[in-house]
Amino acid sequence: MKPIVWADPAKADVRRIDRDTAMRILTALDLFARTGEGDVKALQGRDELRLRIADYRLFFVNVADALEVRRVLHRREAYR
């Protein structure tokens, strides 16, 4: 399992989300960190990857065998 490192903006993003949705996001992230399963896509023009969880997008990068979570945004805000 890859360790997960949270950037401060990502922590704040998760705190703003309702509890059920936040738990769904954290469960999907844990599954991806353990097995590599999930709807992950490399983004054009950015060095980040995105993990799609329902209406939310989790943006992260692979850094030295760890996942650095940068943002967790609703899809209407994610690509602005």
Protein backbone atom coordinates (compact mmCIF):
# COMPACT_ATOMS: atom_id res chain seq x y z
CA MET A 1 0.00 0.00 0.00
CA LYS A 2 1.28 3.42 -0.92
CA PRO A 3 1.26 6.02 1.87
CA ILE A 4 -1.11 8.95 1.35
CA VAL A 5 0.07 12.52 1.93
CA TRP A 6 -2.57 15.26 2.12
CA ALA A 7 -1.92 18.84 1.03
CA ASP A 8 -3.63 21.50 3.19
CA PRO A 9 -6.14 22.54 0.48
CA ALA A 10 -7.21 18.89 0.06
CA LYS A 11 -7.80 18.55 3.81
CA ALA A 12 -9.98 21.65 3.76
CA ASP A 13 -11.88 20.33 0.72
CA VAL A 14 -12.75 17.06 2.49
CA ARG A 15 -13.88 18.88 5.63
CA ARG A 16 -16.43 20.86 3.58
CA ILE A 17 -18.02 17.72 2.11
CA ASP A 18 -20.86 15.91 3.91
CA ARG A 19 -19.79 12.89 5.96
CA ASP A 20 -21.27 10.13 3.75
CA THR A 21 -19.68 11.49 0.59
CA ALA A 22 -16.35 12.10 2.34
CA MET A 23 -16.30 8.49 3.55
CA ARG A 24 -17.03 7.29 0.02
CA ILE A 25 -14.12 9.37 -1.28
CA LEU A 26 -11.74 8.10 1.42
CA THR A 27 -12.78 4.49 0.76
CA ALA A 28 -12.15 4.88 -2.98
CA LEU A 29 -8.75 6.46 -2.30
CA ASP A 30 -7.80 3.64 0.07
CA LEU A 31 -8.82 1.05 -2.53
CA PHE A 32 -6.71 2.80 -5.17
CA ALA A 33 -3.70 3.04 -2.83
CA ARG A 34 -3.92 -0.68 -1.99
CA THR A 35 -4.80 -2.20 -5.36
CA GLY A 36 -4.56 0.43 -8.08
CA GLU A 37 -8.27 0.02 -8.87
CA GLY A 38 -10.37 3.04 -9.68
CA ASP A 39 -11.32 5.46 -12.41
CA VAL A 40 -7.94 7.19 -12.72
CA LYS A 41 -6.89 9.31 -15.67
CA ALA A 42 -3.84 11.45 -16.44
CA LEU A 43 -4.84 15.03 -17.16
CA GLN A 44 -3.65 16.86 -20.26
CA GLY A 45 -1.58 19.95 -19.60
CA ARG A 46 -1.17 19.10 -15.91
CA ASP A 47 1.22 16.86 -14.01
CA GLU A 48 -1.66 15.48 -11.93
CA LEU A 49 -3.84 12.41 -12.09
CA ARG A 50 -7.53 12.42 -11.20
CA LEU A 51 -9.59 9.81 -9.42
CA ARG A 52 -13.30 10.06 -10.20
CA ILE A 53 -15.67 9.26 -7.34
CA ALA A 54 -19.31 9.95 -8.30
CA ASP A 55 -19.61 13.76 -8.66
CA TYR A 56 -16.21 14.45 -7.04
CA ARG A 57 -12.71 14.52 -8.47
CA LEU A 58 -9.63 13.81 -6.38
CA PHE A 59 -6.46 15.29 -7.89
CA PHE A 60 -3.15 13.70 -6.89
CA VAL A 61 0.40 12.93 -7.99
CA ASN A 62 2.66 9.93 -7.41
CA VAL A 63 5.66 11.22 -5.48
CA ALA A 64 8.45 8.89 -4.33
CA ASP A 65 6.21 5.86 -3.80
CA ALA A 66 3.49 7.91 -2.11
CA LEU A 67 0.25 9.53 -3.24
CA GLU A 68 0.10 13.27 -2.66
CA VAL A 69 -3.54 14.38 -2.66
CA ARG A 70 -3.73 17.99 -3.81
CA ARG A 71 -7.46 18.76 -4.16
CA VAL A 72 -10.88 17.14 -3.75
CA LEU A 73 -13.49 19.09 -5.72
CA HIS A 74 -17.01 18.71 -7.06
CA ARG A 75 -16.98 18.17 -10.80
CA ARG A 76 -18.55 21.57 -11.50
CA GLU A 77 -15.54 23.25 -9.82
CA ALA A 78 -12.81 20.80 -10.70
CA TYR A 79 -11.76 21.91 -14.18
CA ARG A 80 -12.07 25.69 -13.92
